[in-house]
Amino acid sequence: MNTLNATHDPKLRSWVASANEAGSDFPIQNLPFGRFRPARSSEGFRIGVAIGDQVLDLKAAGLVDTDDMNVLLAQDATERQALRAALSEGLREGSGKQAAWSTALLAQSAVELTVPCRIGDYTDFYTGIHHATTVGKLFRPDQPLMPNYKWVPIGYHGRASSIRVSGQRFKRPQGQTKAPDAEAPSFGPSKRLDYELELGFVVGQGNALGEPIAIANAEQHLFGVTLLNDWSARDLQAWEYQPLGPFLSKSFASTLSPWIVTMEALAPFRAGFERPAGDPRPLPYLDSPANSEAGALDITLEVWLQTAKMREAGEGAVRLTRGNTTQAAYWTAAQLVTHHTVNGCNLQPGDLLGSGTLSGPKPDEAGSLLELTLGGKHPITLPNGERRTFLEDGDTLSLRGYCERAGAVRIGLGEVSGTVLAAA
């Protein structure tokens, strides 16, 4: 697990004034990585670090000699930590780098951001036990959780090519659905389009084929964390997922935050990982003292919705839910890496591991509309009088994440948003 050092000092301030403002997602203690280029430009994307409302061009600042983010991901943890230390030293007040680095800064409002790295493979897990239990009750009241859930991290291989950056606008997916009383399925647009509130874990240095990653070393292979909305067409999924799992219901779009918050930045926000009394202890290959002591991440997650009608009226988005990862996730990031590779599977720099929907135990902590409306049986009423069971055309759904704790500076994961358009 990452340890605290000078880069986490809550007294640190940056010569980039906006980084010192209360509530900023990107103070000097954060320093998340992404890719950018000047807005309305045809230039190639470059590697940048968010600081306040600015982006520092790492190549222009002389910190890297590449524009390929995956090259940085492939570095070992020692090199990654050295780069963070150099960034922190150069961006703090009184630094001798201010004059030179000022010319390498661009306003975030003046750049185009993209998916923060090249994603080769995408695996979606199912770590949210409250989500799994609530959804399970809708379909299997007598056995919400399958017998394997508390023993093995459940996951499936997803579609990497349809992952896009925040701001994505996508057409409502079409496919086959079958009503319970219908003799045959029908084809058409999804009527039960949903969001899924997730974290994405970005793999750093990979492993060779046939060489598993032990849980004691698992986090050394994770570069960082980002926000992920793995949109889901619930009606398509209900008809197609037996016996192999979701397909068209998930592959049409997934939306990612432009910023990767490093595991080092999250060091002040670790938490103990304990199973509820009576639950089985993980098998030895998924268990370690360090994972029990500080394997969990303490991240607050929020879901916001702005409908087309709200936008036309000049009304801002409204918050639907707020929860915390310490209550939502049944498996840690280290356990996901270890289990993914225990059969010899080789992970590569830039691979994305989705946490699965992260919901808390309370209704207002739900990570999807499927839970929030109990399968569409209990519509939610918005402040302007509109009602929702599932997403409608024109809806913009946003996820926000941040870490707060006494004695540490608040850091944010930014925001990831997407807008639903009418079907083709």
Protein backbone atom coordinates (compact mmCIF):
# COMPACT_ATOMS: atom_id res chain seq x y z
CA MET A 1 0.00 0.00 0.00
CA ASN A 2 1.18 3.53 -0.71
CA THR A 3 2.65 5.51 2.18
CA LEU A 4 2.34 9.20 2.96
CA ASN A 5 5.20 11.50 1.96
CA ALA A 6 5.95 15.17 1.29
CA THR A 7 3.58 15.26 -1.73
CA HIS A 8 0.60 14.72 0.59
CA ASP A 9 1.45 17.55 3.02
CA PRO A 10 -1.84 19.43 3.59
CA LYS A 11 0.12 22.67 4.03
CA LEU A 12 1.44 22.55 0.46
CA ARG A 13 0.24 25.34 -1.82
CA SER A 14 0.83 25.84 -5.52
CA TRP A 15 1.91 28.88 -7.50
CA VAL A 16 -1.08 27.98 -9.74
CA ALA A 17 -3.60 30.02 -7.76
CA SER A 18 -6.72 28.06 -8.76
CA ALA A 19 -5.23 24.90 -7.22
CA ASN A 20 -5.45 26.54 -3.77
CA GLU A 21 -9.15 27.36 -3.98
CA ALA A 22 -11.45 25.54 -1.56
CA GLY A 23 -13.35 22.74 -3.24
CA SER A 24 -10.96 22.38 -6.16
CA ASP A 25 -10.81 18.83 -7.49
CA PHE A 26 -7.19 19.29 -8.46
CA PRO A 27 -5.02 20.77 -5.68
CA ILE A 28 -1.30 20.13 -5.69
CA GLN A 29 -1.86 17.04 -3.51
CA ASN A 30 -3.77 15.35 -6.38
CA LEU A 31 -1.92 15.70 -9.73
CA PRO A 32 -4.01 13.35 -11.93
CA PHE A 33 -2.90 12.36 -15.44
CA GLY A 34 -4.75 12.70 -18.73
CA ARG A 35 -4.37 13.46 -22.44
CA PHE A 36 -5.16 16.79 -24.10
CA ARG A 37 -4.64 19.05 -27.08
CA PRO A 38 -5.59 22.66 -27.78
CA ALA A 39 -9.31 23.00 -28.55
CA ARG A 40 -10.29 22.94 -32.23
CA SER A 41 -6.85 21.62 -33.08
CA SER A 42 -5.77 18.68 -35.24
CA GLU A 43 -2.60 18.16 -33.23
CA GLY A 44 -1.86 14.86 -31.59
CA PHE A 45 -2.85 14.40 -27.96
CA ARG A 46 -0.21 15.09 -25.31
CA ILE A 47 0.21 13.97 -21.71
CA GLY A 48 -0.98 16.46 -19.13
CA VAL A 49 -1.49 16.76 -15.40
CA ALA A 50 -4.43 18.71 -13.96
CA ILE A 51 -3.53 21.45 -11.48
CA GLY A 52 -6.38 23.71 -10.44
CA ASP A 53 -8.19 24.83 -13.60
CA GLN A 54 -5.03 24.36 -15.68
CA VAL A 55 -3.26 21.51 -17.47
CA LEU A 56 0.52 21.16 -17.32
CA ASP A 57 2.03 19.85 -20.56
CA LEU A 58 4.55 17.30 -19.26
CA LYS A 59 6.64 17.21 -22.41
CA ALA A 60 6.84 21.01 -22.66
CA ALA A 61 7.85 21.11 -18.99
CA GLY A 62 10.71 18.69 -19.70
CA LEU A 63 9.32 15.95 -17.47
CA VAL A 64 8.74 13.29 -20.15
CA ASP A 65 10.02 12.67 -23.66
CA THR A 66 6.90 10.96 -25.04
CA ASP A 67 3.30 11.75 -25.90
CA ASP A 68 2.28 8.13 -25.32
CA MET A 69 0.54 7.79 -21.95
CA ASN A 70 0.87 4.01 -22.08
CA VAL A 71 4.64 4.40 -21.93
CA LEU A 72 4.25 6.09 -18.54
CA LEU A 73 1.79 3.42 -17.42
CA ALA A 74 4.39 0.74 -18.17
CA GLN A 75 6.92 2.27 -15.77
CA ASP A 76 7.46 0.64 -12.40
CA ALA A 77 6.09 2.16 -9.22
CA THR A 78 9.44 3.74 -8.29
CA GLU A 79 9.59 5.71 -11.54
CA ARG A 80 5.94 6.73 -11.14
CA GLN A 81 6.56 8.02 -7.63
CA ALA A 82 9.65 9.94 -8.75
CA LEU A 83 7.60 11.73 -11.41
CA ARG A 84 4.97 12.66 -8.83
CA ALA A 85 7.67 14.04 -6.53
CA ALA A 86 9.12 16.14 -9.37
CA LEU A 87 5.68 17.50 -10.24
CA SER A 88 4.95 18.37 -6.62
CA GLU A 89 8.32 20.08 -6.17
CA GLY A 90 7.99 22.11 -9.36
CA LEU A 91 4.38 23.22 -8.81
CA ARG A 92 4.64 24.28 -5.17
CA GLU A 93 4.91 27.90 -4.07
CA GLY A 94 8.46 29.20 -4.21
CA SER A 95 9.56 26.67 -6.80
CA GLY A 96 12.31 27.64 -9.19
CA LYS A 97 10.32 26.02 -11.99
CA GLN A 98 7.53 28.62 -12.00
CA ALA A 99 8.94 30.81 -14.78
CA ALA A 100 9.71 27.91 -17.12
CA TRP A 101 6.60 25.84 -16.38
CA SER A 102 4.21 28.78 -16.68
CA THR A 103 4.66 28.55 -20.46
CA ALA A 104 3.68 24.86 -20.34
CA LEU A 105 0.28 25.58 -18.76
CA LEU A 106 -3.01 25.68 -20.66
CA ALA A 107 -6.45 26.46 -19.26
CA GLN A 108 -8.66 23.36 -19.09
CA SER A 109 -11.39 25.44 -20.72
CA ALA A 110 -9.11 25.88 -23.75
CA VAL A 111 -8.24 22.23 -24.39
CA GLU A 112 -9.88 19.09 -25.72
CA LEU A 113 -9.59 16.07 -23.45
CA THR A 114 -9.77 12.45 -24.52
CA VAL A 115 -9.72 8.99 -22.94
CA PRO A 116 -6.65 9.20 -20.68
CA CYS A 117 -4.82 6.23 -22.18
CA ARG A 118 -5.02 3.59 -24.90
CA ILE A 119 -7.30 0.87 -23.50
CA GLY A 120 -6.42 -2.55 -24.86
CA ASP A 121 -8.78 -4.69 -22.80
CA TYR A 122 -11.70 -3.96 -20.49
CA THR A 123 -12.92 -6.24 -17.72
CA ASP A 124 -16.06 -5.37 -15.79
CA PHE A 125 -16.38 -6.80 -12.29
CA TYR A 126 -19.39 -7.05 -9.97
CA THR A 127 -18.00 -5.90 -6.62
CA GLY A 128 -21.01 -3.91 -5.39
CA ILE A 129 -22.71 -6.27 -2.96
CA HIS A 130 -25.67 -3.99 -2.24
CA HIS A 131 -26.26 -3.58 -5.97
CA ALA A 132 -25.99 -7.34 -6.48
CA THR A 133 -28.37 -8.02 -3.60
CA THR A 134 -31.01 -5.46 -4.60
CA VAL A 135 -31.00 -6.49 -8.25
CA GLY A 136 -30.93 -10.15 -7.26
CA LYS A 137 -34.09 -9.69 -5.18
CA LEU A 138 -35.91 -8.34 -8.23
CA PHE A 139 -35.31 -11.57 -10.13
CA ARG A 140 -34.57 -14.18 -7.44
CA PRO A 141 -36.31 -13.15 -4.18
CA ASP A 142 -35.35 -16.41 -2.46
CA GLN A 143 -31.68 -16.29 -3.52
CA PRO A 144 -30.54 -12.75 -4.37
CA LEU A 145 -26.84 -13.68 -4.39
CA MET A 146 -25.54 -16.67 -6.29
CA PRO A 147 -23.56 -19.20 -4.18
CA ASN A 148 -20.22 -18.08 -5.62
CA TYR A 149 -20.58 -14.33 -4.98
CA LYS A 150 -18.82 -14.18 -1.61
CA TRP A 151 -16.03 -16.48 -2.72
CA VAL A 152 -14.91 -15.28 -6.13
CA PRO A 153 -14.76 -11.81 -7.76
CA ILE A 154 -17.30 -12.07 -10.60
CA GLY A 155 -16.34 -10.42 -13.88
CA TYR A 156 -16.70 -10.53 -17.65
CA HIS A 157 -14.76 -9.26 -20.64
CA GLY A 158 -16.26 -6.04 -22.03
CA ARG A 159 -15.91 -3.98 -25.20
CA ALA A 160 -13.00 -1.50 -25.15
CA SER A 161 -13.66 0.08 -28.56
CA SER A 162 -16.85 1.86 -27.44
CA ILE A 163 -15.31 3.51 -24.37
CA ARG A 164 -15.33 7.29 -24.79
CA VAL A 165 -14.40 10.32 -22.68
CA SER A 166 -16.73 12.45 -20.54
CA GLY A 167 -19.10 14.53 -22.65
CA GLN A 168 -20.02 11.53 -24.80
CA ARG A 169 -23.30 11.78 -26.71
CA PHE A 170 -24.62 8.42 -27.86
CA LYS A 171 -27.70 7.10 -29.60
CA ARG A 172 -30.16 4.98 -27.66
CA PRO A 173 -29.24 1.35 -28.38
CA GLN A 174 -31.52 -0.99 -30.28
CA GLY A 175 -31.84 -4.73 -30.03
CA GLN A 176 -34.10 -7.63 -29.18
CA THR A 177 -36.38 -7.63 -26.16
CA LYS A 178 -39.09 -10.01 -25.05
CA ALA A 179 -42.05 -9.13 -22.88
CA PRO A 180 -42.99 -11.78 -20.28
CA ASP A 181 -46.35 -12.43 -21.99
CA ALA A 182 -45.03 -12.33 -25.58
CA GLU A 183 -44.63 -15.47 -27.68
CA ALA A 184 -41.65 -14.06 -29.58
CA PRO A 185 -39.10 -11.28 -29.12
CA SER A 186 -39.37 -7.92 -30.87
CA PHE A 187 -36.78 -5.48 -32.19
CA GLY A 188 -36.52 -1.80 -31.36
CA PRO A 189 -34.96 0.90 -29.14
CA SER A 190 -34.28 0.07 -25.50
CA LYS A 191 -37.01 1.34 -23.19
CA ARG A 192 -35.09 0.66 -19.97
CA LEU A 193 -31.82 2.53 -20.48
CA ASP A 194 -29.81 2.90 -17.30
CA TYR A 195 -26.50 4.17 -15.94
CA GLU A 196 -24.03 2.28 -13.75
CA LEU A 197 -21.93 4.17 -11.22
CA GLU A 198 -18.47 2.61 -11.24
CA LEU A 199 -14.80 3.18 -10.61
CA GLY A 200 -12.29 2.23 -13.28
CA PHE A 201 -8.92 0.87 -12.19
CA VAL A 202 -6.21 1.54 -14.78
CA VAL A 203 -3.45 -1.07 -15.03
CA GLY A 204 0.10 0.24 -15.00
CA GLN A 205 2.95 -2.22 -15.40
CA GLY A 206 1.65 -5.55 -16.66
CA ASN A 207 2.67 -9.15 -16.07
CA ALA A 208 3.98 -11.89 -18.34
CA LEU A 209 1.62 -14.56 -19.60
CA GLY A 210 1.57 -17.44 -17.13
CA GLU A 211 2.90 -15.39 -14.20
CA PRO A 212 0.18 -14.48 -11.67
CA ILE A 213 0.40 -11.31 -9.58
CA ALA A 214 0.42 -12.00 -5.84
CA ILE A 215 -1.91 -9.87 -3.74
CA ALA A 216 1.06 -8.39 -1.88
CA ASN A 217 2.27 -6.89 -5.18
CA ALA A 218 -1.07 -6.21 -6.85
CA GLU A 219 -1.27 -2.46 -6.26
CA GLN A 220 2.20 -1.98 -7.72
CA HIS A 221 0.55 -2.91 -11.03
CA LEU A 222 -2.22 -0.30 -10.73
CA PHE A 223 -1.54 3.21 -12.00
CA GLY A 224 -4.70 4.79 -10.65
CA VAL A 225 -8.44 5.27 -10.52
CA THR A 226 -10.98 7.02 -12.73
CA LEU A 227 -14.76 7.43 -12.85
CA LEU A 228 -16.69 5.09 -15.15
CA ASN A 229 -20.30 5.01 -16.33
CA ASP A 230 -20.99 1.61 -17.87
CA TRP A 231 -24.38 2.35 -19.46
CA SER A 232 -26.79 -0.57 -19.52
CA ALA A 233 -29.89 -1.41 -21.58
CA ARG A 234 -31.74 -3.43 -18.98
CA ASP A 235 -34.43 -4.82 -21.29
CA LEU A 236 -31.92 -5.99 -23.88
CA GLN A 237 -29.84 -7.51 -21.10
CA ALA A 238 -32.73 -9.46 -19.58
CA TRP A 239 -33.33 -11.29 -22.88
CA GLU A 240 -29.72 -11.90 -23.95
CA TYR A 241 -27.68 -12.54 -20.82
CA GLN A 242 -28.52 -16.25 -20.35
CA PRO A 243 -26.30 -18.25 -20.53
CA LEU A 244 -23.17 -16.23 -21.43
CA GLY A 245 -23.83 -12.76 -19.98
CA PRO A 246 -24.44 -9.26 -21.38
CA PHE A 247 -23.60 -8.40 -24.98
CA LEU A 248 -25.45 -5.69 -26.95
CA SER A 249 -26.90 -4.35 -23.70
CA LYS A 250 -23.45 -3.14 -22.63
CA SER A 251 -21.25 -2.76 -25.72
CA PHE A 252 -22.91 0.35 -27.19
CA ALA A 253 -21.23 2.88 -24.86
CA SER A 254 -19.12 3.28 -21.72
CA THR A 255 -18.00 6.74 -20.56
CA LEU A 256 -14.77 7.47 -18.72
CA SER A 257 -13.42 10.49 -16.87
CA PRO A 258 -10.50 12.21 -18.64
CA TRP A 259 -8.35 12.05 -15.49
CA ILE A 260 -6.60 9.16 -13.76
CA VAL A 261 -6.05 9.86 -10.05
CA THR A 262 -2.92 7.92 -9.10
CA MET A 263 -2.80 5.34 -6.35
CA GLU A 264 -0.17 7.56 -4.68
CA ALA A 265 -2.59 10.51 -4.53
CA LEU A 266 -5.14 8.27 -2.80
CA ALA A 267 -2.75 7.24 0.00
CA PRO A 268 -4.37 9.53 2.64
CA PHE A 269 -7.78 8.04 1.86
CA ARG A 270 -7.26 4.34 2.54
CA ALA A 271 -9.57 2.36 4.79
CA GLY A 272 -9.68 -1.03 6.42
CA PHE A 273 -11.35 -3.85 4.53
CA GLU A 274 -13.49 -6.12 6.66
CA ARG A 275 -16.14 -8.64 5.74
CA PRO A 276 -19.42 -8.60 7.70
CA ALA A 277 -19.59 -11.04 10.60
CA GLY A 278 -20.50 -14.49 9.38
CA ASP A 279 -19.24 -14.00 5.82
CA PRO A 280 -16.47 -16.32 4.61
CA ARG A 281 -12.92 -15.09 4.75
CA PRO A 282 -11.34 -14.77 1.29
CA LEU A 283 -9.27 -17.73 0.13
CA PRO A 284 -5.57 -17.31 1.00
CA TYR A 285 -4.52 -16.07 -2.47
CA LEU A 286 -7.03 -13.20 -2.08
CA ASP A 287 -6.09 -12.34 1.49
CA SER A 288 -3.25 -10.43 3.16
CA PRO A 289 -2.74 -8.36 6.31
CA ALA A 290 -2.10 -5.22 4.25
CA ASN A 291 -5.31 -5.71 2.29
CA SER A 292 -7.28 -6.07 5.51
CA GLU A 293 -5.64 -3.04 7.12
CA ALA A 294 -5.93 -0.57 4.25
CA GLY A 295 -7.13 -2.28 1.07
CA ALA A 296 -10.28 -0.18 0.65
CA LEU A 297 -10.56 3.30 -0.87
CA ASP A 298 -12.62 6.01 0.85
CA ILE A 299 -14.26 7.81 -2.09
CA THR A 300 -17.59 9.65 -2.06
CA LEU A 301 -19.58 9.12 -5.25
CA GLU A 302 -22.52 11.17 -6.52
CA VAL A 303 -24.97 10.87 -9.42
CA TRP A 304 -26.52 13.96 -11.04
CA LEU A 305 -29.23 14.27 -13.70
CA GLN A 306 -30.21 17.11 -16.02
CA THR A 307 -33.12 16.50 -18.36
CA ALA A 308 -33.63 18.25 -21.70
CA LYS A 309 -36.52 20.20 -20.17
CA MET A 310 -34.31 21.38 -17.29
CA ARG A 311 -31.60 22.42 -19.72
CA GLU A 312 -34.04 24.43 -21.85
CA ALA A 313 -35.31 26.18 -18.72
CA GLY A 314 -31.77 27.06 -17.63
CA GLU A 315 -32.00 24.76 -14.60
CA GLY A 316 -28.93 22.91 -13.36
CA ALA A 317 -28.60 19.22 -12.71
CA VAL A 318 -30.10 17.65 -9.56
CA ARG A 319 -28.37 15.08 -7.41
CA LEU A 320 -30.03 11.66 -7.43
CA THR A 321 -27.76 9.77 -5.02
CA ARG A 322 -24.62 9.96 -2.89
CA GLY A 323 -22.69 7.02 -1.45
CA ASN A 324 -19.25 5.85 -0.42
CA THR A 325 -17.04 3.10 -1.77
CA THR A 326 -16.15 1.74 1.68
CA GLN A 327 -19.74 0.54 2.07
CA ALA A 328 -20.31 -0.44 -1.53
CA ALA A 329 -17.42 -2.67 -2.63
CA TYR A 330 -17.15 -6.31 -1.50
CA TRP A 331 -13.73 -6.79 -3.13
CA THR A 332 -10.70 -4.50 -3.20
CA ALA A 333 -8.76 -3.34 -6.26
CA ALA A 334 -5.83 -5.55 -5.23
CA GLN A 335 -8.08 -8.59 -5.09
CA LEU A 336 -9.38 -7.86 -8.60
CA VAL A 337 -5.85 -7.72 -10.03
CA THR A 338 -4.79 -10.87 -8.22
CA HIS A 339 -7.84 -12.88 -9.22
CA HIS A 340 -7.66 -11.66 -12.83
CA THR A 341 -4.11 -13.02 -13.15
CA VAL A 342 -4.24 -16.11 -10.92
CA ASN A 343 -4.89 -18.31 -13.96
CA GLY A 344 -1.88 -16.82 -15.75
CA CYS A 345 -3.77 -14.11 -17.65
CA ASN A 346 -1.46 -11.29 -18.71
CA LEU A 347 -2.57 -7.72 -18.00
CA GLN A 348 -1.10 -4.89 -20.07
CA PRO A 349 -0.52 -1.17 -19.45
CA GLY A 350 -3.77 0.68 -20.04
CA ASP A 351 -6.11 -2.25 -19.37
CA LEU A 352 -9.24 -1.09 -17.58
CA LEU A 353 -10.89 -2.95 -14.70
CA GLY A 354 -14.41 -1.74 -13.90
CA SER A 355 -15.55 -2.11 -10.31
CA GLY A 356 -19.14 -2.88 -11.22
CA THR A 357 -22.02 -0.78 -9.92
CA LEU A 358 -21.21 0.73 -6.52
CA SER A 359 -24.32 1.15 -4.38
CA GLY A 360 -24.62 1.72 -0.66
CA PRO A 361 -27.08 0.00 1.68
CA LYS A 362 -29.60 2.89 1.61
CA PRO A 363 -32.02 3.75 -1.23
CA ASP A 364 -30.44 7.18 -1.74
CA GLU A 365 -27.05 5.49 -2.28
CA ALA A 366 -28.14 3.46 -5.31
CA GLY A 367 -25.74 3.29 -8.25
CA SER A 368 -28.40 2.71 -10.92
CA LEU A 369 -32.00 3.55 -11.75
CA LEU A 370 -32.81 -0.16 -11.71
CA GLU A 371 -32.28 -0.03 -7.95
CA LEU A 372 -33.50 3.50 -7.35
CA THR A 373 -36.90 2.75 -8.95
CA LEU A 374 -36.97 -0.95 -7.98
CA GLY A 375 -37.07 -2.14 -11.54
CA GLY A 376 -39.25 0.75 -12.71
CA LYS A 377 -42.05 0.06 -10.23
CA HIS A 378 -41.45 3.25 -8.23
CA PRO A 379 -40.70 6.26 -10.47
CA ILE A 380 -38.69 9.13 -9.02
CA THR A 381 -40.10 12.66 -9.21
CA LEU A 382 -37.65 15.46 -10.05
CA PRO A 383 -37.95 19.00 -8.60
CA ASN A 384 -39.53 20.30 -11.82
CA GLY A 385 -42.25 17.64 -11.70
CA GLU A 386 -40.79 15.31 -14.31
CA ARG A 387 -40.75 11.60 -13.51
CA ARG A 388 -38.20 8.95 -14.35
CA THR A 389 -38.06 5.20 -14.18
CA PHE A 390 -35.24 4.92 -16.72
CA LEU A 391 -33.33 7.43 -18.84
CA GLU A 392 -35.11 9.34 -21.60
CA ASP A 393 -33.76 10.98 -24.75
CA GLY A 394 -32.04 14.26 -23.95
CA ASP A 395 -31.08 13.27 -20.41
CA THR A 396 -27.52 14.11 -19.31
CA LEU A 397 -26.26 11.88 -16.53
CA SER A 398 -23.13 12.89 -14.57
CA LEU A 399 -20.99 11.08 -12.03
CA ARG A 400 -18.78 12.91 -9.54
CA GLY A 401 -16.24 11.58 -7.09
CA TYR A 402 -14.05 13.05 -4.37
CA CYS A 403 -12.12 12.16 -1.22
CA GLU A 404 -12.43 14.08 2.05
CA ARG A 405 -10.89 13.28 5.41
CA ALA A 406 -9.75 15.23 8.46
CA GLY A 407 -6.08 16.14 8.24
CA ALA A 408 -5.94 15.78 4.44
CA VAL A 409 -6.68 18.10 1.54
CA ARG A 410 -9.79 17.23 -0.45
CA ILE A 411 -9.04 15.76 -3.85
CA GLY A 412 -11.47 15.03 -6.67
CA LEU A 413 -11.82 12.53 -9.48
CA GLY A 414 -13.42 15.15 -11.72
CA GLU A 415 -16.70 14.45 -13.47
CA VAL A 416 -17.91 12.08 -16.16
CA SER A 417 -21.04 12.95 -18.11
CA GLY A 418 -22.95 11.53 -21.04
CA THR A 419 -26.10 12.48 -22.97
CA VAL A 420 -28.69 10.13 -24.43
CA LEU A 421 -29.78 10.83 -28.01
CA ALA A 422 -32.70 9.35 -29.90
CA ALA A 423 -32.16 5.95 -31.48
CA ALA A 424 -30.92 5.84 -35.08
